[in-house]
Amino acid sequence: MPARHRLQRNPFTHNRKFSRITVAIAGVSVIVPAAIAAGLTASGASAGKSASAVNSSSMQAMIGARTANAYSDDRMRLPDATRHALAKLEFRREQAKRAAARRAAKRAAALRAQRAAAATPAPSPSSQAPSDSAPQPSGNPQQIASAMLGSFGWSSGEFGCLVSLWNLESGWNVYASNPSGAYGIPQALPGSKMASAGPDWQSNAATQIRWGLGYIKSDYGSPCGAWSHEQASGWY
């Protein structure tokens, strides 16, 4: 048949069927039109490359593009419930990370506090002794009170007011009690208040007097001030 009458067959439309070949790339078998494979081979050969190298690189690019498109399509096709579940899972993971970070920070702070406490020297027994551990005045209750006046900043001129005040309240009796609950030389109400001056407040005159003088100083300023209130009101 003359060459001019020979029909040029289009490899894509001949008999309305595609001629296909199977190409194996990186362990994956892919079916492609034979004409595409032939064209890739020819172009690769004209550029000085082997047909297998051209086919391999071209088919890898095609597979990568199709895979990416398929992944994107799959994400688009996920049901709303599935997308919400994934979002919740991601949120919970983030919360867990933050909680772990907070716990680590707390442990570090506790460790620093423990180290600081261990580095702080313990106070010596002498520094813990109460200020009232000095020798106490001795004698009868009035002698003890007279000796304590100076430690509260008062002169001996206040002693007469103090004698009159506690003569009226308790007669300077360590065990004097009142139905109201008042107790001791200064008639503390209740008597247990005097425990702040010492554990032996029920029987020790010095403990009771120390507490009584402190009470007078804080509320009336001096024994004479307390005695003036006693005379005007009948109590102090």
C-alpha atoms as a PDB file:
ATOM      1  CA  MET A   1       0.000   0.000   0.000  1.00  0.00           C
ATOM      2  CA  PRO A   2       1.407   3.412  -0.898  1.00  0.00           C
ATOM      3  CA  ALA A   3       2.653   5.413   2.044  1.00  0.00           C
ATOM      4  CA  ARG A   4       0.217   8.266   1.382  1.00  0.00           C
ATOM      5  CA  HIS A   5      -2.745   5.953   1.759  1.00  0.00           C
ATOM      6  CA  ARG A   6      -1.474   4.390   4.978  1.00  0.00           C
ATOM      7  CA  LEU A   7      -3.632   5.557   7.883  1.00  0.00           C
ATOM      8  CA  GLN A   8      -1.935   7.147  10.771  1.00  0.00           C
ATOM      9  CA  ARG A   9      -3.239   5.280  13.768  1.00  0.00           C
ATOM     10  CA  ASN A  10      -3.720   7.268  16.915  1.00  0.00           C
ATOM     11  CA  PRO A  11      -2.625   5.040  19.795  1.00  0.00           C
ATOM     12  CA  PHE A  12      -5.280   6.677  21.994  1.00  0.00           C
ATOM     13  CA  THR A  13      -8.245   6.187  19.674  1.00  0.00           C
ATOM     14  CA  HIS A  14      -7.461   3.108  17.666  1.00  0.00           C
ATOM     15  CA  ASN A  15     -10.385   0.707  17.989  1.00  0.00           C
ATOM     16  CA  ARG A  16     -11.605   3.062  20.796  1.00  0.00           C
ATOM     17  CA  LYS A  17      -9.451   1.139  23.244  1.00  0.00           C
ATOM     18  CA  PHE A  18      -6.283   2.122  25.056  1.00  0.00           C
ATOM     19  CA  SER A  19      -3.271  -0.114  24.563  1.00  0.00           C
ATOM     20  CA  ARG A  20      -1.841  -0.574  28.065  1.00  0.00           C
ATOM     21  CA  ILE A  21       1.342  -1.933  29.522  1.00  0.00           C
ATOM     22  CA  THR A  22       2.267  -2.710  33.122  1.00  0.00           C
ATOM     23  CA  VAL A  23       5.255  -0.941  34.622  1.00  0.00           C
ATOM     24  CA  ALA A  24       6.795  -1.971  37.979  1.00  0.00           C
ATOM     25  CA  ILE A  25       8.286   0.915  39.933  1.00  0.00           C
ATOM     26  CA  ALA A  26       9.702   0.561  43.431  1.00  0.00           C
ATOM     27  CA  GLY A  27       7.756  -2.650  43.951  1.00  0.00           C
ATOM     28  CA  VAL A  28       4.431  -1.141  42.778  1.00  0.00           C
ATOM     29  CA  SER A  29       2.788  -2.296  39.515  1.00  0.00           C
ATOM     30  CA  VAL A  30       1.115   0.523  37.581  1.00  0.00           C
ATOM     31  CA  ILE A  31      -0.872   0.161  34.347  1.00  0.00           C
ATOM     32  CA  VAL A  32      -0.354   3.038  31.899  1.00  0.00           C
ATOM     33  CA  PRO A  33      -1.176   3.536  28.219  1.00  0.00           C
ATOM     34  CA  ALA A  34       1.433   2.040  26.010  1.00  0.00           C
ATOM     35  CA  ALA A  35       1.678   5.222  23.957  1.00  0.00           C
ATOM     36  CA  ILE A  36       2.598   7.256  27.063  1.00  0.00           C
ATOM     37  CA  ALA A  37       5.257   4.745  27.994  1.00  0.00           C
ATOM     38  CA  ALA A  38       6.585   4.816  24.412  1.00  0.00           C
ATOM     39  CA  GLY A  39       6.616   8.600  24.380  1.00  0.00           C
ATOM     40  CA  LEU A  40       8.434   8.759  27.668  1.00  0.00           C
ATOM     41  CA  THR A  41      10.935   6.223  26.370  1.00  0.00           C
ATOM     42  CA  ALA A  42      11.527   8.188  23.183  1.00  0.00           C
ATOM     43  CA  SER A  43      11.950  11.513  24.959  1.00  0.00           C
ATOM     44  CA  GLY A  44      14.290   9.949  27.478  1.00  0.00           C
ATOM     45  CA  ALA A  45      16.356   8.322  24.786  1.00  0.00           C
ATOM     46  CA  SER A  46      16.630  11.565  22.792  1.00  0.00           C
ATOM     47  CA  ALA A  47      17.965  13.313  25.891  1.00  0.00           C
ATOM     48  CA  GLY A  48      20.605  10.652  26.387  1.00  0.00           C
ATOM     49  CA  LYS A  49      18.819   8.822  29.192  1.00  0.00           C
ATOM     50  CA  SER A  50      17.868   5.189  29.390  1.00  0.00           C
ATOM     51  CA  ALA A  51      14.199   4.263  28.896  1.00  0.00           C
ATOM     52  CA  SER A  52      14.012   2.591  32.318  1.00  0.00           C
ATOM     53  CA  ALA A  53      15.267   5.749  34.091  1.00  0.00           C
ATOM     54  CA  VAL A  54      12.714   7.935  32.304  1.00  0.00           C
ATOM     55  CA  ASN A  55       9.875   5.545  33.013  1.00  0.00           C
ATOM     56  CA  SER A  56      10.867   5.253  36.695  1.00  0.00           C
ATOM     57  CA  SER A  57      11.076   8.989  37.455  1.00  0.00           C
ATOM     58  CA  SER A  58       7.930   9.841  35.484  1.00  0.00           C
ATOM     59  CA  MET A  59       5.837   7.106  36.995  1.00  0.00           C
ATOM     60  CA  GLN A  60       7.003   7.977  40.533  1.00  0.00           C
ATOM     61  CA  ALA A  61       5.837  11.550  40.008  1.00  0.00           C
ATOM     62  CA  MET A  62       2.463  10.343  38.723  1.00  0.00           C
ATOM     63  CA  ILE A  63       2.015   7.959  41.668  1.00  0.00           C
ATOM     64  CA  GLY A  64       2.942  10.693  44.182  1.00  0.00           C
ATOM     65  CA  ALA A  65       0.454  13.103  42.682  1.00  0.00           C
ATOM     66  CA  ARG A  66      -2.340  10.524  42.648  1.00  0.00           C
ATOM     67  CA  THR A  67      -1.587   9.491  46.243  1.00  0.00           C
ATOM     68  CA  ALA A  68      -1.710  13.106  47.471  1.00  0.00           C
ATOM     69  CA  ASN A  69      -4.984  13.709  45.665  1.00  0.00           C
ATOM     70  CA  ALA A  70      -6.473  10.499  47.077  1.00  0.00           C
ATOM     71  CA  TYR A  71      -5.449  11.492  50.638  1.00  0.00           C
ATOM     72  CA  SER A  72      -6.987  14.926  50.225  1.00  0.00           C
ATOM     73  CA  ASP A  73     -10.185  13.406  48.831  1.00  0.00           C
ATOM     74  CA  ASP A  74     -10.362  10.945  51.725  1.00  0.00           C
ATOM     75  CA  ARG A  75     -10.067  13.792  54.240  1.00  0.00           C
ATOM     76  CA  MET A  76     -12.848  15.662  52.480  1.00  0.00           C
ATOM     77  CA  ARG A  77     -15.063  12.565  52.542  1.00  0.00           C
ATOM     78  CA  LEU A  78     -14.662  11.986  56.318  1.00  0.00           C
ATOM     79  CA  PRO A  79     -18.004  12.203  58.166  1.00  0.00           C
ATOM     80  CA  ASP A  80     -18.519  15.134  60.503  1.00  0.00           C
ATOM     81  CA  ALA A  81     -18.549  12.821  63.522  1.00  0.00           C
ATOM     82  CA  THR A  82     -15.143  11.421  62.565  1.00  0.00           C
ATOM     83  CA  ARG A  83     -13.644  14.879  62.094  1.00  0.00           C
ATOM     84  CA  HIS A  84     -15.006  15.953  65.462  1.00  0.00           C
ATOM     85  CA  ALA A  85     -13.567  12.848  67.117  1.00  0.00           C
ATOM     86  CA  LEU A  86     -10.137  13.570  65.639  1.00  0.00           C
ATOM     87  CA  ALA A  87     -10.328  17.166  66.819  1.00  0.00           C
ATOM     88  CA  LYS A  88     -11.221  16.022  70.359  1.00  0.00           C
ATOM     89  CA  LEU A  89      -8.367  13.548  70.352  1.00  0.00           C
ATOM     90  CA  GLU A  90      -5.903  16.252  69.352  1.00  0.00           C
ATOM     91  CA  PHE A  91      -7.295  18.586  72.021  1.00  0.00           C
ATOM     92  CA  ARG A  92      -6.926  15.922  74.723  1.00  0.00           C
ATOM     93  CA  ARG A  93      -3.354  15.228  73.671  1.00  0.00           C
ATOM     94  CA  GLU A  94      -2.540  18.927  73.981  1.00  0.00           C
ATOM     95  CA  GLN A  95      -4.182  19.044  77.422  1.00  0.00           C
ATOM     96  CA  ALA A  96      -2.168  16.028  78.540  1.00  0.00           C
ATOM     97  CA  LYS A  97       1.057  17.722  77.417  1.00  0.00           C
ATOM     98  CA  ARG A  98       0.205  20.871  79.360  1.00  0.00           C
ATOM     99  CA  ALA A  99      -0.746  18.906  82.486  1.00  0.00           C
ATOM    100  CA  ALA A 100       2.544  17.021  82.329  1.00  0.00           C
ATOM    101  CA  ALA A 101       4.411  20.325  82.050  1.00  0.00           C
ATOM    102  CA  ARG A 102       2.572  21.719  85.084  1.00  0.00           C
ATOM    103  CA  ARG A 103       3.345  18.616  87.134  1.00  0.00           C
ATOM    104  CA  ALA A 104       6.996  18.851  86.211  1.00  0.00           C
ATOM    105  CA  ALA A 105       7.078  22.522  87.248  1.00  0.00           C
ATOM    106  CA  LYS A 106       5.474  21.704  90.619  1.00  0.00           C
ATOM    107  CA  ARG A 107       7.959  18.905  91.255  1.00  0.00           C
ATOM    108  CA  ALA A 108      10.830  21.244  90.437  1.00  0.00           C
ATOM    109  CA  ALA A 109       9.456  23.932  92.790  1.00  0.00           C
ATOM    110  CA  ALA A 110       9.011  21.404  95.608  1.00  0.00           C
ATOM    111  CA  LEU A 111      12.549  20.156  95.092  1.00  0.00           C
ATOM    112  CA  ARG A 112      13.915  23.707  95.236  1.00  0.00           C
ATOM    113  CA  ALA A 113      11.972  24.341  98.468  1.00  0.00           C
ATOM    114  CA  GLN A 114      13.344  21.155 100.025  1.00  0.00           C
ATOM    115  CA  ARG A 115      16.885  22.108  99.091  1.00  0.00           C
ATOM    116  CA  ALA A 116      16.421  25.614 100.507  1.00  0.00           C
ATOM    117  CA  ALA A 117      15.025  24.196 103.762  1.00  0.00           C
ATOM    118  CA  ALA A 118      17.924  21.776 104.033  1.00  0.00           C
ATOM    119  CA  ALA A 119      20.402  24.603 103.493  1.00  0.00           C
ATOM    120  CA  THR A 120      18.850  26.779 106.261  1.00  0.00           C
ATOM    121  CA  PRO A 121      20.595  26.098 109.588  1.00  0.00           C
ATOM    122  CA  ALA A 122      18.352  25.063 112.456  1.00  0.00           C
ATOM    123  CA  PRO A 123      18.050  27.634 115.253  1.00  0.00           C
ATOM    124  CA  SER A 124      20.109  26.923 118.310  1.00  0.00           C
ATOM    125  CA  PRO A 125      18.301  26.003 121.531  1.00  0.00           C
ATOM    126  CA  SER A 126      19.444  29.253 123.137  1.00  0.00           C
ATOM    127  CA  SER A 127      17.768  31.324 120.425  1.00  0.00           C
ATOM    128  CA  GLN A 128      14.501  29.492 121.026  1.00  0.00           C
ATOM    129  CA  ALA A 129      14.388  30.135 124.753  1.00  0.00           C
ATOM    130  CA  PRO A 130      11.613  32.514 125.817  1.00  0.00           C
ATOM    131  CA  SER A 131      12.555  35.977 126.952  1.00  0.00           C
ATOM    132  CA  ASP A 132      10.972  35.331 130.329  1.00  0.00           C
ATOM    133  CA  SER A 133      13.450  32.538 131.088  1.00  0.00           C
ATOM    134  CA  ALA A 134      15.512  34.995 133.140  1.00  0.00           C
ATOM    135  CA  PRO A 135      15.511  34.449 136.921  1.00  0.00           C
ATOM    136  CA  GLN A 136      12.189  35.458 138.439  1.00  0.00           C
ATOM    137  CA  PRO A 137      11.800  37.770 141.447  1.00  0.00           C
ATOM    138  CA  SER A 138      11.293  35.915 144.684  1.00  0.00           C
ATOM    139  CA  GLY A 139       9.415  36.728 147.883  1.00  0.00           C
ATOM    140  CA  ASN A 140       5.767  37.249 148.604  1.00  0.00           C
ATOM    141  CA  PRO A 141       3.416  38.384 145.795  1.00  0.00           C
ATOM    142  CA  GLN A 142       3.748  42.090 146.599  1.00  0.00           C
ATOM    143  CA  GLN A 143       7.551  41.911 146.648  1.00  0.00           C
ATOM    144  CA  ILE A 144       7.487  40.120 143.281  1.00  0.00           C
ATOM    145  CA  ALA A 145       5.177  42.783 141.797  1.00  0.00           C
ATOM    146  CA  SER A 146       7.324  45.634 143.126  1.00  0.00           C
ATOM    147  CA  ALA A 147      10.425  44.084 141.531  1.00  0.00           C
ATOM    148  CA  MET A 148       8.642  43.746 138.152  1.00  0.00           C
ATOM    149  CA  LEU A 149       7.421  47.336 137.842  1.00  0.00           C
ATOM    150  CA  GLY A 150      10.646  48.593 136.291  1.00  0.00           C
ATOM    151  CA  SER A 151      10.540  45.962 133.503  1.00  0.00           C
ATOM    152  CA  PHE A 152       7.215  47.449 132.360  1.00  0.00           C
ATOM    153  CA  GLY A 153       8.562  50.995 132.403  1.00  0.00           C
ATOM    154  CA  TRP A 154       6.923  52.181 135.603  1.00  0.00           C
ATOM    155  CA  SER A 155       8.393  53.857 138.635  1.00  0.00           C
ATOM    156  CA  SER A 156       7.907  52.728 142.196  1.00  0.00           C
ATOM    157  CA  GLY A 157       5.242  55.446 142.512  1.00  0.00           C
ATOM    158  CA  GLU A 158       2.810  53.127 140.710  1.00  0.00           C
ATOM    159  CA  PHE A 159       3.141  50.435 143.334  1.00  0.00           C
ATOM    160  CA  GLY A 160       0.611  51.967 145.763  1.00  0.00           C
ATOM    161  CA  CYS A 161      -2.102  51.986 143.067  1.00  0.00           C
ATOM    162  CA  LEU A 162      -1.331  48.348 142.251  1.00  0.00           C
ATOM    163  CA  VAL A 163      -1.593  47.299 145.901  1.00  0.00           C
ATOM    164  CA  SER A 164      -4.978  49.019 146.252  1.00  0.00           C
ATOM    165  CA  LEU A 165      -6.234  47.483 142.987  1.00  0.00           C
ATOM    166  CA  TRP A 166      -5.349  43.871 143.737  1.00  0.00           C
ATOM    167  CA  ASN A 167      -6.280  44.183 147.422  1.00  0.00           C
ATOM    168  CA  LEU A 168      -9.796  44.870 146.212  1.00  0.00           C
ATOM    169  CA  GLU A 169      -9.817  42.279 143.424  1.00  0.00           C
ATOM    170  CA  SER A 170      -8.203  39.235 145.069  1.00  0.00           C
ATOM    171  CA  GLY A 171      -6.412  40.187 148.271  1.00  0.00           C
ATOM    172  CA  TRP A 172      -3.230  39.025 146.448  1.00  0.00           C
ATOM    173  CA  ASN A 173      -4.413  35.423 146.771  1.00  0.00           C
ATOM    174  CA  VAL A 174      -2.981  33.139 144.081  1.00  0.00           C
ATOM    175  CA  TYR A 175      -6.042  30.867 144.290  1.00  0.00           C
ATOM    176  CA  ALA A 176      -8.735  33.533 144.475  1.00  0.00           C
ATOM    177  CA  SER A 177     -11.690  32.595 142.260  1.00  0.00           C
ATOM    178  CA  ASN A 178     -14.975  34.201 141.311  1.00  0.00           C
ATOM    179  CA  PRO A 179     -18.265  32.618 140.154  1.00  0.00           C
ATOM    180  CA  SER A 180     -17.847  34.555 136.894  1.00  0.00           C
ATOM    181  CA  GLY A 181     -14.716  32.510 136.120  1.00  0.00           C
ATOM    182  CA  ALA A 182     -12.140  35.145 137.131  1.00  0.00           C
ATOM    183  CA  TYR A 183      -9.082  33.633 138.800  1.00  0.00           C
ATOM    184  CA  GLY A 184      -5.839  34.466 140.581  1.00  0.00           C
ATOM    185  CA  ILE A 185      -4.231  37.675 141.859  1.00  0.00           C
ATOM    186  CA  PRO A 186      -5.175  39.792 138.806  1.00  0.00           C
ATOM    187  CA  GLN A 187      -8.581  38.076 138.480  1.00  0.00           C
ATOM    188  CA  ALA A 188      -8.083  37.108 134.834  1.00  0.00           C
ATOM    189  CA  LEU A 189     -11.365  36.220 133.108  1.00  0.00           C
ATOM    190  CA  PRO A 190     -11.188  33.425 132.303  1.00  0.00           C
ATOM    191  CA  GLY A 191      -8.196  32.359 134.348  1.00  0.00           C
ATOM    192  CA  SER A 192      -6.801  30.293 131.457  1.00  0.00           C
ATOM    193  CA  LYS A 193      -5.767  33.531 129.739  1.00  0.00           C
ATOM    194  CA  MET A 194      -2.773  33.571 132.079  1.00  0.00           C
ATOM    195  CA  ALA A 195      -1.391  30.465 130.337  1.00  0.00           C
ATOM    196  CA  SER A 196       0.206  32.868 127.862  1.00  0.00           C
ATOM    197  CA  ALA A 197       2.552  33.906 130.699  1.00  0.00           C
ATOM    198  CA  GLY A 198       3.409  30.359 131.776  1.00  0.00           C
ATOM    199  CA  PRO A 199       2.021  26.845 132.165  1.00  0.00           C
ATOM    200  CA  ASP A 200       1.987  27.173 135.968  1.00  0.00           C
ATOM    201  CA  TRP A 201      -0.520  30.035 135.920  1.00  0.00           C
ATOM    202  CA  GLN A 202      -2.856  28.308 138.400  1.00  0.00           C
ATOM    203  CA  SER A 203      -0.388  28.332 141.289  1.00  0.00           C
ATOM    204  CA  ASN A 204       2.609  30.579 140.541  1.00  0.00           C
ATOM    205  CA  ALA A 205       2.315  34.161 141.802  1.00  0.00           C
ATOM    206  CA  ALA A 206       5.081  35.458 139.502  1.00  0.00           C
ATOM    207  CA  THR A 207       3.323  34.050 136.436  1.00  0.00           C
ATOM    208  CA  GLN A 208       0.013  35.599 137.449  1.00  0.00           C
ATOM    209  CA  ILE A 209       1.582  38.981 138.261  1.00  0.00           C
ATOM    210  CA  ARG A 210       3.518  39.094 134.986  1.00  0.00           C
ATOM    211  CA  TRP A 211       0.318  38.479 133.055  1.00  0.00           C
ATOM    212  CA  GLY A 212      -1.626  41.001 135.182  1.00  0.00           C
ATOM    213  CA  LEU A 213       0.938  43.785 134.683  1.00  0.00           C
ATOM    214  CA  GLY A 214       0.944  43.150 130.932  1.00  0.00           C
ATOM    215  CA  TYR A 215      -2.846  43.385 130.867  1.00  0.00           C
ATOM    216  CA  ILE A 216      -2.806  46.672 132.820  1.00  0.00           C
ATOM    217  CA  LYS A 217      -0.191  48.189 130.519  1.00  0.00           C
ATOM    218  CA  SER A 218      -2.077  47.294 127.318  1.00  0.00           C
ATOM    219  CA  ASP A 219      -5.533  48.400 128.545  1.00  0.00           C
ATOM    220  CA  TYR A 220      -4.914  51.223 131.040  1.00  0.00           C
ATOM    221  CA  GLY A 221      -1.300  52.301 130.586  1.00  0.00           C
ATOM    222  CA  SER A 222      -0.334  52.023 134.257  1.00  0.00           C
ATOM    223  CA  PRO A 223      -1.503  50.624 137.619  1.00  0.00           C
ATOM    224  CA  CYS A 224      -2.799  54.053 138.625  1.00  0.00           C
ATOM    225  CA  GLY A 225      -4.829  54.217 135.408  1.00  0.00           C
ATOM    226  CA  ALA A 226      -6.342  50.819 136.169  1.00  0.00           C
ATOM    227  CA  TRP A 227      -7.084  51.846 139.776  1.00  0.00           C
ATOM    228  CA  SER A 228      -8.874  55.002 138.603  1.00  0.00           C
ATOM    229  CA  HIS A 229     -11.088  52.894 136.323  1.00  0.00           C
ATOM    230  CA  GLU A 230     -11.765  50.462 139.141  1.00  0.00           C
ATOM    231  CA  GLN A 231     -12.907  53.262 141.423  1.00  0.00           C
ATOM    232  CA  ALA A 232     -15.173  54.758 138.726  1.00  0.00           C
ATOM    233  CA  SER A 233     -16.667  51.536 137.341  1.00  0.00           C
ATOM    234  CA  GLY A 234     -16.164  48.856 139.980  1.00  0.00           C
ATOM    235  CA  TRP A 235     -14.043  46.718 137.661  1.00  0.00           C
ATOM    236  CA  TYR A 236     -10.947  46.930 135.518  1.00  0.00           C
END
